[in-house]
C-alpha atoms as a PDB file:
ATOM      1  CA  MET A   1      47.808   2.740 -28.118  1.00  0.00           C
ATOM      2  CA  GLY A   2      44.107   2.426 -28.392  1.00  0.00           C
ATOM      3  CA  GLY A   3      42.542  -0.841 -29.538  1.00  0.00           C
ATOM      4  CA  ALA A   4      39.796  -1.291 -31.806  1.00  0.00           C
ATOM      5  CA  ALA A   5      36.095  -0.954 -30.540  1.00  0.00           C
ATOM      6  CA  GLY A   6      34.140  -4.182 -29.885  1.00  0.00           C
ATOM      7  CA  LEU A   7      30.516  -4.398 -30.788  1.00  0.00           C
ATOM      8  CA  GLY A   8      29.837  -0.691 -31.083  1.00  0.00           C
ATOM      9  CA  GLY A   9      32.054   0.822 -28.460  1.00  0.00           C
ATOM     10  CA  SER A  10      34.937   3.092 -29.450  1.00  0.00           C
ATOM     11  CA  ALA A  11      38.362   2.296 -28.234  1.00  0.00           C
ATOM     12  CA  GLY A  12      39.500   3.233 -24.799  1.00  0.00           C
ATOM     13  CA  ALA A  13      42.909   5.169 -24.305  1.00  0.00           C
ATOM     14  CA  SER A  14      44.613   2.004 -22.669  1.00  0.00           C
ATOM     15  CA  GLY A  15      42.766  -0.902 -24.135  1.00  0.00           C
ATOM     16  CA  ALA A  16      40.125  -2.313 -26.480  1.00  0.00           C
ATOM     17  CA  ALA A  17      36.435  -1.603 -25.595  1.00  0.00           C
ATOM     18  CA  GLY A  18      34.636  -4.974 -24.971  1.00  0.00           C
ATOM     19  CA  ASN A  19      31.035  -5.549 -25.612  1.00  0.00           C
ATOM     20  CA  GLY A  20      30.052  -1.689 -25.592  1.00  0.00           C
ATOM     21  CA  GLY A  21      32.202  -0.439 -22.739  1.00  0.00           C
ATOM     22  CA  SER A  22      35.609   1.093 -22.594  1.00  0.00           C
ATOM     23  CA  ALA A  23      38.495   0.482 -19.818  1.00  0.00           C
ATOM     24  CA  MET A  24      40.027   3.080 -17.551  1.00  0.00           C
ATOM     25  CA  GLY A  25      38.628   6.290 -19.141  1.00  0.00           C
ATOM     26  CA  GLY A  26      37.923   5.388 -22.653  1.00  0.00           C
ATOM     27  CA  SER A  27      34.869   6.705 -24.456  1.00  0.00           C
ATOM     28  CA  ALA A  28      31.847   4.335 -24.068  1.00  0.00           C
ATOM     29  CA  GLY A  29      30.403   1.993 -26.587  1.00  0.00           C
ATOM     30  CA  VAL A  30      26.706   1.219 -26.939  1.00  0.00           C
ATOM     31  CA  ALA A  31      24.915  -1.980 -26.206  1.00  0.00           C
ATOM     32  CA  ASN A  32      21.270  -2.218 -27.400  1.00  0.00           C
ATOM     33  CA  GLY A  33      20.574   1.645 -27.681  1.00  0.00           C
ATOM     34  CA  GLY A  34      21.719   2.836 -24.334  1.00  0.00           C
ATOM     35  CA  SER A  35      25.184   4.638 -23.824  1.00  0.00           C
ATOM     36  CA  ALA A  36      27.662   2.341 -22.102  1.00  0.00           C
ATOM     37  CA  GLY A  37      29.008   2.785 -18.581  1.00  0.00           C
ATOM     38  CA  VAL A  38      32.586   2.992 -17.457  1.00  0.00           C
ATOM     39  CA  ALA A  39      34.395   2.747 -14.184  1.00  0.00           C
ATOM     40  CA  ASN A  40      36.761   5.134 -12.354  1.00  0.00           C
ATOM     41  CA  GLY A  41      35.008   8.464 -13.099  1.00  0.00           C
ATOM     42  CA  GLY A  42      34.010   7.959 -16.746  1.00  0.00           C
ATOM     43  CA  SER A  43      30.507   8.964 -17.769  1.00  0.00           C
ATOM     44  CA  ALA A  44      27.926   6.164 -17.165  1.00  0.00           C
ATOM     45  CA  GLY A  45      25.480   4.329 -19.310  1.00  0.00           C
ATOM     46  CA  VAL A  46      23.374   1.253 -19.402  1.00  0.00           C
ATOM     47  CA  ALA A  47      21.849  -1.210 -21.761  1.00  0.00           C
ATOM     48  CA  ASN A  48      18.361  -1.062 -22.988  1.00  0.00           C
ATOM     49  CA  GLY A  49      17.987   2.524 -23.554  1.00  0.00           C
ATOM     50  CA  GLY A  50      18.342   3.681 -19.854  1.00  0.00           C
ATOM     51  CA  SER A  51      20.037   6.451 -18.424  1.00  0.00           C
ATOM     52  CA  ALA A  52      23.317   6.077 -16.828  1.00  0.00           C
ATOM     53  CA  GLY A  53      24.583   4.774 -13.524  1.00  0.00           C
ATOM     54  CA  VAL A  54      28.311   4.237 -12.386  1.00  0.00           C
ATOM     55  CA  ALA A  55      30.493   3.784  -9.597  1.00  0.00           C
ATOM     56  CA  ASN A  56      33.507   6.057  -8.494  1.00  0.00           C
ATOM     57  CA  GLY A  57      32.351   9.565  -9.443  1.00  0.00           C
ATOM     58  CA  GLY A  58      29.850   9.114 -12.304  1.00  0.00           C
ATOM     59  CA  SER A  59      26.458  10.266 -12.058  1.00  0.00           C
ATOM     60  CA  ALA A  60      23.800   7.925 -10.939  1.00  0.00           C
ATOM     61  CA  GLY A  61      20.997   6.464 -13.032  1.00  0.00           C
ATOM     62  CA  ALA A  62      18.920   3.266 -13.611  1.00  0.00           C
ATOM     63  CA  SER A  63      19.304   0.360 -15.833  1.00  0.00           C
ATOM     64  CA  THR A  64      16.816  -1.302 -18.237  1.00  0.00           C
ATOM     65  CA  GLY A  65      14.987   1.462 -20.003  1.00  0.00           C
ATOM     66  CA  GLY A  66      14.781   4.412 -17.742  1.00  0.00           C
ATOM     67  CA  SER A  67      15.743   6.517 -14.705  1.00  0.00           C
ATOM     68  CA  ALA A  68      15.578   5.237 -11.216  1.00  0.00           C
ATOM     69  CA  GLY A  69      12.254   5.263  -9.411  1.00  0.00           C
ATOM     70  CA  THR A  70      11.187   5.005  -5.856  1.00  0.00           C
ATOM     71  CA  GLY A  71       8.627   2.194  -6.109  1.00  0.00           C
ATOM     72  CA  GLY A  72       8.866  -1.319  -4.518  1.00  0.00           C
ATOM     73  CA  ALA A  73       7.816  -2.499  -0.992  1.00  0.00           C
ATOM     74  CA  LEU A  74       6.157  -0.134   1.433  1.00  0.00           C
ATOM     75  CA  ALA A  75       8.164   1.006   4.435  1.00  0.00           C
ATOM     76  CA  CYS A  76       7.290  -0.891   7.559  1.00  0.00           C
ATOM     77  CA  GLY A  77       4.184   0.790   9.068  1.00  0.00           C
ATOM     78  CA  THR A  78       3.393   2.967   6.067  1.00  0.00           C
ATOM     79  CA  ALA A  79       0.271   2.420   3.966  1.00  0.00           C
ATOM     80  CA  GLU A  80      -0.594   3.505   0.444  1.00  0.00           C
ATOM     81  CA  THR A  81      -2.433   6.707  -0.002  1.00  0.00           C
ATOM     82  CA  PRO A  82      -6.223   5.804  -0.649  1.00  0.00           C
ATOM     83  CA  THR A  83      -7.437   7.003  -4.174  1.00  0.00           C
ATOM     84  CA  GLY A  84     -11.163   6.147  -3.818  1.00  0.00           C
ATOM     85  CA  THR A  85     -13.606   8.994  -4.940  1.00  0.00           C
ATOM     86  CA  ALA A  86     -17.295   7.908  -4.497  1.00  0.00           C
ATOM     87  CA  CYS A  87     -17.987   6.199  -1.267  1.00  0.00           C
ATOM     88  CA  PRO A  88     -18.767   2.528  -2.016  1.00  0.00           C
ATOM     89  CA  ALA A  89     -22.133   1.134  -0.727  1.00  0.00           C
ATOM     90  CA  ALA A  90     -20.138  -1.307   1.470  1.00  0.00           C
ATOM     91  CA  CYS A  91     -19.173   1.575   3.438  1.00  0.00           C
ATOM     92  CA  ASP A  92     -22.392   1.809   5.354  1.00  0.00           C
ATOM     93  CA  GLY A  93     -20.767   4.064   8.116  1.00  0.00           C
ATOM     94  CA  GLY A  94     -19.727   6.604   5.424  1.00  0.00           C
ATOM     95  CA  CYS A  95     -16.146   7.443   4.112  1.00  0.00           C
ATOM     96  CA  SER A  96     -14.000  10.029   5.517  1.00  0.00           C
ATOM     97  CA  ASN A  97     -10.442  11.266   4.610  1.00  0.00           C
ATOM     98  CA  GLY A  98      -9.719   8.091   2.546  1.00  0.00           C
ATOM     99  CA  VAL A  99     -11.220   5.855   5.141  1.00  0.00           C
ATOM    100  CA  CYS A 100     -14.050   3.599   4.444  1.00  0.00           C
ATOM    101  CA  LEU A 101     -16.166   2.757   7.765  1.00  0.00           C
ATOM    102  CA  ILE A 102     -17.907  -0.618   7.703  1.00  0.00           C
ATOM    103  CA  LYS A 103     -20.344  -1.029  10.712  1.00  0.00           C
ATOM    104  CA  CYS A 104     -21.383  -4.121  12.310  1.00  0.00           C
ATOM    105  CA  ASP A 105     -23.705  -2.743  14.893  1.00  0.00           C
ATOM    106  CA  THR A 106     -26.885  -4.835  14.836  1.00  0.00           C
ATOM    107  CA  PRO A 107     -27.789  -8.531  15.797  1.00  0.00           C
ATOM    108  CA  ASN A 108     -25.599 -11.016  13.769  1.00  0.00           C
ATOM    109  CA  GLU A 109     -25.038  -8.383  11.034  1.00  0.00           C
ATOM    110  CA  CYS A 110     -21.650  -9.622  10.182  1.00  0.00           C
ATOM    111  CA  ASN A 111     -21.914 -13.033  11.914  1.00  0.00           C
ATOM    112  CA  ASN A 112     -20.460 -15.818   9.831  1.00  0.00           C
ATOM    113  CA  LYS A 113     -20.051 -13.632   6.846  1.00  0.00           C
ATOM    114  CA  THR A 114     -17.142 -12.612   4.671  1.00  0.00           C
ATOM    115  CA  VAL A 115     -16.711  -9.015   4.492  1.00  0.00           C
ATOM    116  CA  SER A 116     -14.214  -7.560   2.145  1.00  0.00           C
ATOM    117  CA  CYS A 117     -12.907  -3.973   2.427  1.00  0.00           C
ATOM    118  CA  PRO A 118     -13.307  -2.008  -0.762  1.00  0.00           C
ATOM    119  CA  ALA A 119     -10.437  -1.348  -3.224  1.00  0.00           C
ATOM    120  CA  SER A 120      -8.795   2.036  -3.044  1.00  0.00           C
ATOM    121  CA  TRP A 121     -10.027   2.863   0.490  1.00  0.00           C
ATOM    122  CA  SER A 122      -8.479   2.491   4.044  1.00  0.00           C
ATOM    123  CA  CYS A 123     -10.784   0.378   5.846  1.00  0.00           C
ATOM    124  CA  HIS A 124     -12.189   0.256   9.444  1.00  0.00           C
ATOM    125  CA  ILE A 125     -14.527  -2.450  10.592  1.00  0.00           C
ATOM    126  CA  ASP A 126     -16.431  -1.574  13.594  1.00  0.00           C
ATOM    127  CA  CYS A 127     -18.122  -4.437  15.575  1.00  0.00           C
ATOM    128  CA  THR A 128     -20.066  -2.698  18.446  1.00  0.00           C
ATOM    129  CA  TYR A 129     -23.145  -5.043  18.976  1.00  0.00           C
ATOM    130  CA  GLN A 130     -22.792  -8.205  20.932  1.00  0.00           C
ATOM    131  CA  GLY A 131     -21.956 -11.035  18.760  1.00  0.00           C
ATOM    132  CA  ALA A 132     -22.274  -8.980  15.572  1.00  0.00           C
ATOM    133  CA  CYS A 133     -18.993 -10.160  14.086  1.00  0.00           C
ATOM    134  CA  ALA A 134     -18.731 -13.541  15.528  1.00  0.00           C
ATOM    135  CA  SER A 135     -17.022 -16.314  13.316  1.00  0.00           C
ATOM    136  CA  GLY A 136     -16.953 -13.743  10.595  1.00  0.00           C
ATOM    137  CA  THR A 137     -13.920 -13.205   8.047  1.00  0.00           C
ATOM    138  CA  PHE A 138     -12.767  -9.842   7.286  1.00  0.00           C
ATOM    139  CA  GLU A 139     -10.626  -9.183   4.167  1.00  0.00           C
ATOM    140  CA  CYS A 140      -8.181  -6.281   3.839  1.00  0.00           C
ATOM    141  CA  GLN A 141      -6.938  -4.944   0.471  1.00  0.00           C
ATOM    142  CA  GLY A 142      -3.919  -4.016  -1.087  1.00  0.00           C
ATOM    143  CA  GLY A 143      -1.313  -1.797   0.579  1.00  0.00           C
ATOM    144  CA  LEU A 144      -4.024   0.166   2.475  1.00  0.00           C
ATOM    145  CA  GLU A 145      -4.372   0.569   6.304  1.00  0.00           C
ATOM    146  CA  CYS A 146      -6.999  -1.844   7.773  1.00  0.00           C
ATOM    147  CA  GLN A 147      -8.487  -2.063  11.218  1.00  0.00           C
ATOM    148  CA  LEU A 148     -10.801  -4.295  13.035  1.00  0.00           C
ATOM    149  CA  ASN A 149     -12.459  -2.795  16.014  1.00  0.00           C
ATOM    150  CA  CYS A 150     -14.247  -5.259  18.774  1.00  0.00           C
ATOM    151  CA  ALA A 151     -16.144  -3.258  21.200  1.00  0.00           C
ATOM    152  CA  ALA A 152     -18.989  -5.392  22.582  1.00  0.00           C
ATOM    153  CA  LYS A 153     -19.227  -8.734  24.431  1.00  0.00           C
ATOM    154  CA  GLY A 154     -18.400 -11.420  22.379  1.00  0.00           C
ATOM    155  CA  THR A 155     -18.451  -9.339  19.340  1.00  0.00           C
ATOM    156  CA  CYS A 156     -15.381 -10.769  17.488  1.00  0.00           C
ATOM    157  CA  GLY A 157     -15.557 -14.177  19.003  1.00  0.00           C
ATOM    158  CA  ASN A 158     -13.816 -16.588  16.255  1.00  0.00           C
ATOM    159  CA  ALA A 159     -13.658 -13.848  13.852  1.00  0.00           C
ATOM    160  CA  LYS A 160     -10.818 -14.080  11.386  1.00  0.00           C
ATOM    161  CA  LEU A 161      -8.935 -10.924  10.074  1.00  0.00           C
ATOM    162  CA  HIS A 162      -6.907 -11.366   6.853  1.00  0.00           C
ATOM    163  CA  CYS A 163      -4.323  -8.701   6.444  1.00  0.00           C
ATOM    164  CA  SER A 164      -2.891  -7.724   3.093  1.00  0.00           C
ATOM    165  CA  ALA A 165       0.170  -5.472   2.315  1.00  0.00           C
ATOM    166  CA  GLY A 166      -0.707  -2.446   4.334  1.00  0.00           C
ATOM    167  CA  PRO A 167      -0.569  -1.886   8.182  1.00  0.00           C
ATOM    168  CA  CYS A 168      -3.046  -4.227   9.878  1.00  0.00           C
ATOM    169  CA  SER A 169      -4.429  -4.036  13.470  1.00  0.00           C
ATOM    170  CA  VAL A 170      -7.243  -5.367  15.627  1.00  0.00           C
ATOM    171  CA  LEU A 171      -8.691  -3.288  18.705  1.00  0.00           C
ATOM    172  CA  CYS A 172     -10.205  -5.489  21.542  1.00  0.00           C
ATOM    173  CA  GLY A 173     -12.241  -3.726  23.954  1.00  0.00           C
ATOM    174  CA  ALA A 174     -12.704  -4.311  27.757  1.00  0.00           C
ATOM    175  CA  GLU A 175     -15.978  -6.316  27.020  1.00  0.00           C
ATOM    176  CA  VAL A 176     -16.203 -10.061  28.141  1.00  0.00           C
ATOM    177  CA  ASN A 177     -14.658 -12.223  25.220  1.00  0.00           C
ATOM    178  CA  ALA A 178     -14.599  -9.134  23.004  1.00  0.00           C
ATOM    179  CA  CYS A 179     -11.877 -10.964  20.880  1.00  0.00           C
ATOM    180  CA  GLY A 180     -12.250 -14.501  22.331  1.00  0.00           C
ATOM    181  CA  GLY A 181     -10.929 -16.791  19.689  1.00  0.00           C
ATOM    182  CA  THR A 182     -10.277 -14.001  17.286  1.00  0.00           C
ATOM    183  CA  THR A 183      -7.330 -14.815  14.776  1.00  0.00           C
ATOM    184  CA  VAL A 184      -5.336 -12.296  12.715  1.00  0.00           C
ATOM    185  CA  THR A 185      -3.326 -13.559   9.720  1.00  0.00           C
ATOM    186  CA  CYS A 186      -0.696 -11.039   9.143  1.00  0.00           C
ATOM    187  CA  GLY A 187       0.920  -9.669   5.868  1.00  0.00           C
ATOM    188  CA  ALA A 188       4.293  -8.155   5.169  1.00  0.00           C
ATOM    189  CA  ASN A 189       3.536  -4.848   6.820  1.00  0.00           C
ATOM    190  CA  SER A 190       3.333  -4.044  10.649  1.00  0.00           C
ATOM    191  CA  CYS A 191       0.577  -6.163  12.255  1.00  0.00           C
ATOM    192  CA  ASN A 192      -0.557  -5.305  15.851  1.00  0.00           C
ATOM    193  CA  ALA A 193      -3.236  -5.969  18.510  1.00  0.00           C
ATOM    194  CA  THR A 194      -4.319  -3.519  21.240  1.00  0.00           C
ATOM    195  CA  CYS A 195      -6.328  -5.074  24.053  1.00  0.00           C
ATOM    196  CA  ALA A 196      -8.118  -3.188  27.014  1.00  0.00           C
ATOM    197  CA  GLY A 197      -9.415  -6.175  28.910  1.00  0.00           C
ATOM    198  CA  SER A 198      -8.252  -9.757  29.186  1.00  0.00           C
ATOM    199  CA  SER A 199      -9.675 -11.252  25.991  1.00  0.00           C
ATOM    200  CA  THR A 200      -6.956 -11.246  23.424  1.00  0.00           C
ATOM    201  CA  PRO A 201      -6.402 -12.277  19.795  1.00  0.00           C
ATOM    202  CA  VAL A 202      -4.067 -14.620  18.190  1.00  0.00           C
ATOM    203  CA  LEU A 203      -1.676 -13.184  15.691  1.00  0.00           C
ATOM    204  CA  THR A 204       0.043 -15.237  13.064  1.00  0.00           C
ATOM    205  CA  CYS A 205       2.916 -13.118  12.279  1.00  0.00           C
ATOM    206  CA  GLY A 206       4.132 -14.766   9.048  1.00  0.00           C
ATOM    207  CA  PRO A 207       6.059 -12.183   7.011  1.00  0.00           C
ATOM    208  CA  SER A 208       5.120  -9.111   8.928  1.00  0.00           C
ATOM    209  CA  CYS A 209       7.918  -6.561   9.391  1.00  0.00           C
ATOM    210  CA  LYS A 210       6.612  -5.698  13.068  1.00  0.00           C
ATOM    211  CA  CYS A 211       4.247  -8.018  14.765  1.00  0.00           C
ATOM    212  CA  THR A 212       2.903  -7.046  18.258  1.00  0.00           C
ATOM    213  CA  GLY A 213       0.552  -8.934  20.233  1.00  0.00           C
ATOM    214  CA  CYS A 214      -1.483  -7.997  23.635  1.00  0.00           C
END
């Protein structure tokens, strides 16, 4: 009743095993070093050495060399966990609970400059002096949370915030033109603006999973 095994798989009870797997409950054949998988309740296997995964009652597993993991894109609105240790020099407002604070609180401190958040840290950029961040470019990093805070008159006028893979936000105060001409280029994660006054930024939502303007 059993057929001969094909390419390393032993014969199933009702037919020949083809290319490393058996039909309807036959024992599994091997493909490239991993035990082969079967349908309808048989024990599962995969090619290339990975542990098994099947439909209809078999125990679950992963393909191509290992058991299943939980990696991949971040869930909308969630960020990677900061892993920074020593506080970088760029964080002139200090570091706390994985957050790097960059302070732009003197005249023209970040005006017309490119400010990049350090790797491995969530990043808050505080623009709290008139015009301090005007026409500046602010770069977020990786899947970490990133925030631009505009809390003075004209402080973020024509500023640009470039989001990355983490949640990204801009806070616009009630001061005149706090976010006048401010633009936000969103990444794939959540991207939002909060405005206390009439000055509002322009969000380019792009691939953002949740994009909310003022």
